Amino acid sequence: MSTDLHPSIVALVSLAANIAANHPKQGLCQVERLKGYGVSREQIDTVIEIARHIRDEAAQTLDARFDEACAAHFPRAAVKLAGIAVAESGACCTPTPSGKSCC
């Protein structure tokens, strides 16, 4: 039994990781590979949407934790930092804007 992944799966994982990690190259070279492997535009779009959702969810969680920690240093901390609200979610995984699951 082979444990090697098909190159299209590796390219999809790489694309998602690059996007979620905010890599400067954003995985654009993977898109060309995926097209060459015959992966549909819809499948690539789904991977991009999920990766961006995970990236954005992680950033919001980090921002909320930072706001909480920073607020502990100030007595009137009910006001969000710089007046910017941070969406908080207690769920492990929330759906993407189009309703796709990231889990």
N, C-alpha and C. Protein backbone atom coordinates (compact mmCIF):
# COMPACT_ATOMS: atom_id res chain seq x y z
N MET A 1 0.84 -1.18 0.00
CA MET A 1 0.00 0.00 0.00
C MET A 1 0.89 1.24 0.00
N SER A 2 0.65 2.13 -0.95
CA SER A 2 1.42 3.35 -1.06
C SER A 2 0.82 4.44 -0.18
N THR A 3 1.68 5.21 0.48
CA THR A 3 1.19 6.31 1.31
C THR A 3 1.43 7.66 0.64
N ASP A 4 1.90 7.64 -0.60
CA ASP A 4 2.12 8.88 -1.32
C ASP A 4 0.78 9.51 -1.69
N LEU A 5 0.71 10.81 -1.55
CA LEU A 5 -0.49 11.53 -1.94
C LEU A 5 -0.41 11.89 -3.42
N HIS A 6 -1.55 11.92 -4.06
CA HIS A 6 -1.60 12.35 -5.46
C HIS A 6 -1.11 13.80 -5.52
N PRO A 7 -0.37 14.16 -6.56
CA PRO A 7 0.15 15.53 -6.67
C PRO A 7 -0.93 16.61 -6.58
N SER A 8 -2.14 16.32 -7.03
CA SER A 8 -3.20 17.32 -6.95
C SER A 8 -3.59 17.58 -5.49
N ILE A 9 -3.56 16.55 -4.67
CA ILE A 9 -3.87 16.72 -3.24
C ILE A 9 -2.78 17.55 -2.57
N VAL A 10 -1.53 17.25 -2.89
CA VAL A 10 -0.41 18.01 -2.34
C VAL A 10 -0.55 19.48 -2.75
N ALA A 11 -0.90 19.73 -4.00
CA ALA A 11 -1.04 21.11 -4.48
C ALA A 11 -2.20 21.82 -3.78
N LEU A 12 -3.31 21.12 -3.54
CA LEU A 12 -4.44 21.72 -2.83
C LEU A 12 -4.07 22.06 -1.39
N VAL A 13 -3.37 21.15 -0.72
CA VAL A 13 -2.92 21.40 0.65
C VAL A 13 -1.95 22.57 0.69
N SER A 14 -1.03 22.59 -0.25
CA SER A 14 -0.06 23.68 -0.31
C SER A 14 -0.73 25.02 -0.57
N LEU A 15 -1.68 25.05 -1.48
CA LEU A 15 -2.43 26.27 -1.76
C LEU A 15 -3.12 26.77 -0.50
N ALA A 16 -3.83 25.87 0.17
CA ALA A 16 -4.55 26.25 1.40
C ALA A 16 -3.59 26.73 2.48
N ALA A 17 -2.48 26.04 2.66
CA ALA A 17 -1.51 26.43 3.69
C ALA A 17 -0.91 27.79 3.40
N ASN A 18 -0.58 28.04 2.15
CA ASN A 18 -0.01 29.34 1.77
C ASN A 18 -0.99 30.47 2.06
N ILE A 19 -2.24 30.26 1.73
CA ILE A 19 -3.25 31.30 1.96
C ILE A 19 -3.47 31.49 3.46
N ALA A 20 -3.67 30.40 4.18
CA ALA A 20 -3.95 30.49 5.61
C ALA A 20 -2.78 31.10 6.39
N ALA A 21 -1.56 30.88 5.90
CA ALA A 21 -0.37 31.40 6.58
C ALA A 21 0.00 32.81 6.12
N ASN A 22 -0.77 33.38 5.21
CA ASN A 22 -0.45 34.69 4.65
C ASN A 22 0.92 34.71 3.99
N HIS A 23 1.28 33.64 3.34
CA HIS A 23 2.57 33.57 2.66
C HIS A 23 2.57 34.61 1.54
N PRO A 24 3.69 35.33 1.36
CA PRO A 24 3.72 36.38 0.33
C PRO A 24 3.40 35.88 -1.08
N LYS A 25 3.73 34.66 -1.39
CA LYS A 25 3.45 34.15 -2.75
C LYS A 25 2.01 33.64 -2.89
N GLN A 26 1.30 33.48 -1.77
CA GLN A 26 -0.12 33.11 -1.73
C GLN A 26 -0.47 31.81 -2.43
N GLY A 27 0.50 31.01 -2.80
CA GLY A 27 0.20 29.74 -3.44
C GLY A 27 -0.23 29.84 -4.89
N LEU A 28 0.05 30.97 -5.52
CA LEU A 28 -0.40 31.17 -6.90
C LEU A 28 0.20 30.14 -7.86
N CYS A 29 1.42 29.69 -7.59
CA CYS A 29 2.02 28.68 -8.48
C CYS A 29 1.25 27.37 -8.39
N GLN A 30 0.61 27.12 -7.26
CA GLN A 30 -0.18 25.90 -7.09
C GLN A 30 -1.42 25.93 -7.97
N VAL A 31 -1.97 27.11 -8.20
CA VAL A 31 -3.17 27.22 -9.03
C VAL A 31 -2.87 26.72 -10.45
N GLU A 32 -1.72 27.10 -10.97
CA GLU A 32 -1.34 26.62 -12.31
C GLU A 32 -1.18 25.11 -12.32
N ARG A 33 -0.56 24.57 -11.29
CA ARG A 33 -0.41 23.11 -11.20
C ARG A 33 -1.76 22.42 -11.15
N LEU A 34 -2.65 22.96 -10.33
CA LEU A 34 -3.98 22.37 -10.17
C LEU A 34 -4.75 22.38 -11.48
N LYS A 35 -4.64 23.46 -12.22
CA LYS A 35 -5.29 23.52 -13.53
C LYS A 35 -4.71 22.43 -14.44
N GLY A 36 -3.40 22.24 -14.37
CA GLY A 36 -2.75 21.22 -15.17
C GLY A 36 -3.17 19.81 -14.79
N TYR A 37 -3.53 19.61 -13.51
CA TYR A 37 -4.00 18.29 -13.06
C TYR A 37 -5.47 18.08 -13.35
N GLY A 38 -6.13 19.09 -13.88
CA GLY A 38 -7.54 18.96 -14.21
C GLY A 38 -8.48 19.24 -13.05
N VAL A 39 -7.99 19.86 -12.00
CA VAL A 39 -8.85 20.21 -10.87
C VAL A 39 -9.74 21.38 -11.30
N SER A 40 -11.01 21.27 -11.01
CA SER A 40 -11.97 22.27 -11.49
C SER A 40 -11.81 23.60 -10.75
N ARG A 41 -12.24 24.64 -11.42
CA ARG A 41 -12.21 25.99 -10.83
C ARG A 41 -13.04 26.02 -9.55
N GLU A 42 -14.17 25.32 -9.54
CA GLU A 42 -15.04 25.30 -8.36
C GLU A 42 -14.33 24.67 -7.17
N GLN A 43 -13.58 23.59 -7.40
CA GLN A 43 -12.85 22.94 -6.32
C GLN A 43 -11.74 23.86 -5.79
N ILE A 44 -11.03 24.51 -6.69
CA ILE A 44 -9.98 25.45 -6.28
C ILE A 44 -10.60 26.59 -5.49
N ASP A 45 -11.73 27.13 -5.97
CA ASP A 45 -12.41 28.22 -5.26
C ASP A 45 -12.83 27.80 -3.86
N THR A 46 -13.29 26.56 -3.71
CA THR A 46 -13.70 26.06 -2.40
C THR A 46 -12.51 26.02 -1.45
N VAL A 47 -11.37 25.53 -1.93
CA VAL A 47 -10.16 25.47 -1.10
C VAL A 47 -9.74 26.88 -0.69
N ILE A 48 -9.78 27.81 -1.63
CA ILE A 48 -9.40 29.20 -1.33
C ILE A 48 -10.34 29.79 -0.29
N GLU A 49 -11.63 29.57 -0.46
CA GLU A 49 -12.60 30.11 0.49
C GLU A 49 -12.38 29.55 1.89
N ILE A 50 -12.18 28.26 1.99
CA ILE A 50 -11.97 27.64 3.30
C ILE A 50 -10.67 28.14 3.94
N ALA A 51 -9.61 28.23 3.16
CA ALA A 51 -8.32 28.70 3.69
C ALA A 51 -8.43 30.14 4.19
N ARG A 52 -9.09 30.99 3.42
CA ARG A 52 -9.25 32.38 3.85
C ARG A 52 -10.11 32.46 5.10
N HIS A 53 -11.13 31.64 5.17
CA HIS A 53 -12.00 31.63 6.35
C HIS A 53 -11.21 31.23 7.60
N ILE A 54 -10.41 30.19 7.49
CA ILE A 54 -9.60 29.75 8.63
C ILE A 54 -8.61 30.83 9.02
N ARG A 55 -7.96 31.45 8.04
CA ARG A 55 -7.01 32.53 8.31
C ARG A 55 -7.70 33.68 9.04
N ASP A 56 -8.87 34.10 8.54
CA ASP A 56 -9.58 35.23 9.13
C ASP A 56 -10.11 34.90 10.52
N GLU A 57 -10.58 33.68 10.69
CA GLU A 57 -11.07 33.24 12.00
C GLU A 57 -9.94 33.23 13.02
N ALA A 58 -8.77 32.77 12.61
CA ALA A 58 -7.61 32.77 13.51
C ALA A 58 -7.22 34.19 13.90
N ALA A 59 -7.22 35.10 12.94
CA ALA A 59 -6.87 36.49 13.22
C ALA A 59 -7.85 37.12 14.20
N GLN A 60 -9.14 36.85 14.01
CA GLN A 60 -10.14 37.40 14.91
C GLN A 60 -9.98 36.85 16.32
N THR A 61 -9.67 35.58 16.44
CA THR A 61 -9.47 34.97 17.75
C THR A 61 -8.26 35.58 18.44
N LEU A 62 -7.17 35.74 17.70
CA LEU A 62 -5.98 36.37 18.27
C LEU A 62 -6.26 37.80 18.68
N ASP A 63 -6.99 38.56 17.85
CA ASP A 63 -7.33 39.93 18.19
C ASP A 63 -8.18 40.00 19.46
N ALA A 64 -9.15 39.10 19.59
CA ALA A 64 -10.01 39.09 20.76
C ALA A 64 -9.20 38.77 22.01
N ARG A 65 -8.29 37.82 21.92
CA ARG A 65 -7.44 37.49 23.08
C ARG A 65 -6.52 38.65 23.44
N PHE A 66 -5.98 39.33 22.42
CA PHE A 66 -5.14 40.49 22.68
C PHE A 66 -5.94 41.58 23.37
N ASP A 67 -7.16 41.84 22.87
CA ASP A 67 -8.01 42.87 23.48
C ASP A 67 -8.28 42.54 24.94
N GLU A 68 -8.56 41.29 25.25
CA GLU A 68 -8.81 40.88 26.62
C GLU A 68 -7.58 41.09 27.50
N ALA A 69 -6.42 40.68 27.00
CA ALA A 69 -5.19 40.83 27.78
C ALA A 69 -4.84 42.29 27.96
N CYS A 70 -5.01 43.08 26.92
CA CYS A 70 -4.70 44.50 27.00
C CYS A 70 -5.68 45.21 27.94
N ALA A 71 -6.94 44.82 27.90
CA ALA A 71 -7.97 45.44 28.74
C ALA A 71 -7.66 45.23 30.22
N ALA A 72 -6.98 44.16 30.54
CA ALA A 72 -6.62 43.89 31.94
C ALA A 72 -5.68 44.96 32.49
N HIS A 73 -5.01 45.68 31.60
CA HIS A 73 -4.07 46.72 32.03
C HIS A 73 -4.73 48.08 32.21
N PHE A 74 -5.99 48.21 31.83
CA PHE A 74 -6.68 49.49 31.91
C PHE A 74 -7.99 49.32 32.66
N PRO A 75 -8.29 50.23 33.61
CA PRO A 75 -9.49 50.06 34.43
C PRO A 75 -10.79 50.17 33.65
N ARG A 76 -10.87 51.01 32.64
CA ARG A 76 -12.11 51.17 31.88
C ARG A 76 -11.93 50.49 30.53
N ALA A 77 -11.89 49.19 30.55
CA ALA A 77 -11.56 48.42 29.35
C ALA A 77 -12.77 47.93 28.59
N ALA A 78 -13.94 48.42 28.93
CA ALA A 78 -15.14 47.95 28.22
C ALA A 78 -15.14 48.37 26.76
N VAL A 79 -14.44 49.45 26.45
CA VAL A 79 -14.38 49.93 25.08
C VAL A 79 -13.34 49.13 24.31
N LYS A 80 -13.72 48.64 23.16
CA LYS A 80 -12.77 47.88 22.33
C LYS A 80 -11.65 48.79 21.89
N LEU A 81 -10.47 48.23 21.71
CA LEU A 81 -9.32 49.00 21.28
C LEU A 81 -9.60 49.70 19.97
N ALA A 82 -9.26 50.96 19.90
CA ALA A 82 -9.41 51.78 18.69
C ALA A 82 -10.84 51.76 18.15
N GLY A 83 -11.80 51.38 18.97
CA GLY A 83 -13.18 51.37 18.53
C GLY A 83 -13.49 50.32 17.48
N ILE A 84 -12.63 49.33 17.33
CA ILE A 84 -12.81 48.30 16.32
C ILE A 84 -13.35 47.05 17.00
N ALA A 85 -14.53 46.66 16.61
CA ALA A 85 -15.14 45.46 17.18
C ALA A 85 -14.47 44.23 16.61
N VAL A 86 -14.30 43.23 17.45
CA VAL A 86 -13.73 41.96 17.03
C VAL A 86 -14.81 40.90 17.18
N ALA A 87 -15.08 40.18 16.12
CA ALA A 87 -16.08 39.13 16.18
C ALA A 87 -15.53 37.98 17.00
N GLU A 88 -16.31 37.55 17.97
CA GLU A 88 -15.88 36.45 18.81
C GLU A 88 -16.76 35.25 18.52
N SER A 89 -16.14 34.08 18.46
CA SER A 89 -16.88 32.87 18.21
C SER A 89 -16.36 31.78 19.13
N GLY A 90 -17.24 31.16 19.86
CA GLY A 90 -16.83 30.09 20.74
C GLY A 90 -16.78 28.75 20.03
N ALA A 91 -17.29 28.73 18.81
CA ALA A 91 -17.34 27.46 18.08
C ALA A 91 -15.96 27.06 17.59
N CYS A 92 -15.74 25.77 17.53
CA CYS A 92 -14.47 25.24 17.02
C CYS A 92 -14.36 25.52 15.53
N CYS A 93 -15.45 25.42 14.83
CA CYS A 93 -15.44 25.60 13.39
C CYS A 93 -16.75 26.24 12.98
N THR A 94 -16.65 27.36 12.31
CA THR A 94 -17.84 28.02 11.80
C THR A 94 -17.83 27.89 10.28
N PRO A 95 -18.99 27.93 9.65
CA PRO A 95 -19.01 27.80 8.19
C PRO A 95 -18.46 29.05 7.51
N THR A 96 -18.01 28.87 6.28
CA THR A 96 -17.55 29.99 5.47
C THR A 96 -18.76 30.84 5.09
N PRO A 97 -18.53 32.03 4.53
CA PRO A 97 -19.68 32.88 4.15
C PRO A 97 -20.67 32.19 3.21
N SER A 98 -20.19 31.28 2.37
CA SER A 98 -21.12 30.59 1.47
C SER A 98 -21.70 29.32 2.10
N GLY A 99 -21.35 29.06 3.37
CA GLY A 99 -21.93 27.94 4.09
C GLY A 99 -21.11 26.65 4.05
N LYS A 100 -19.90 26.70 3.47
CA LYS A 100 -19.06 25.50 3.42
C LYS A 100 -18.40 25.27 4.77
N SER A 101 -18.28 24.03 5.14
CA SER A 101 -17.64 23.67 6.40
C SER A 101 -16.12 23.66 6.23
N CYS A 102 -15.42 24.18 7.23
CA CYS A 102 -13.96 24.15 7.18
C CYS A 102 -13.41 23.00 8.01
N CYS A 103 -14.29 22.18 8.55
CA CYS A 103 -13.86 21.03 9.36
C CYS A 103 -14.06 19.74 8.59
